[in-house]
Amino acid sequence: MKRQDAVCAWVGLLVAILFVVPHGEAASTVAPAPINLRVEHLAPNKEAGELAVAGIDVLEPRFYWQLPSEEIRSHKQEAYRLVIEKRDTVSSKYSSICDSGMVNSDRSAHVRCSGEDKKALESSNYYRWRVMIWDNHGRKSAWAESYFVTGLLSPSAEVIECAHLEL
């Protein structure tokens, strides 16, 4: 009789685990974070030790990201939030120059930041950009972040010419 009670207890526990305790997709309360972050089609070459894309030379860069491939079938982006922050050269702290807020859109390519208090990018500065998404299950992802450095952005930059030298 004791053996039969032990088997019943194990079967009961197994049923509870399989049908009562959430598992797999239902157990996750966080959407998958975006991957393959790019700015102007460029990504840091992490194999070469690069931390940031260098030489971005447009005033309003476009940003790109993807959902992890194993999540594409069951998850769809419903909204995103894009934040661009400038690093202070003295304190190394970041200050926001654009925060899109939550944007109801499934776009993840050619996205420009359009926040209310948007400030212009400046030449030769280090920036961090972050994105989070909300999926079709109403879950918010963790932040995914990447970095870029601006090149010369001034449209009035002068070209220095050398006088023609005869040898």
Foldseek 3Di string as FASTA:
>chain_A
DVVVVVVVVVVVVVCCVVPPDDDDPVVDQAAAWWDPKDKQPDAAPVVVVGQAAEAAAEFWIFIATHGPPVCVVPKAFQWKKKWKWWQDPPPRDTDTQAIQPIGGDRDGTRDTTDHPNHDTDAAFTKMKMWMWTAIPVRHIHDIDMGIYTHHHHDPPDDDDDDDDDDD
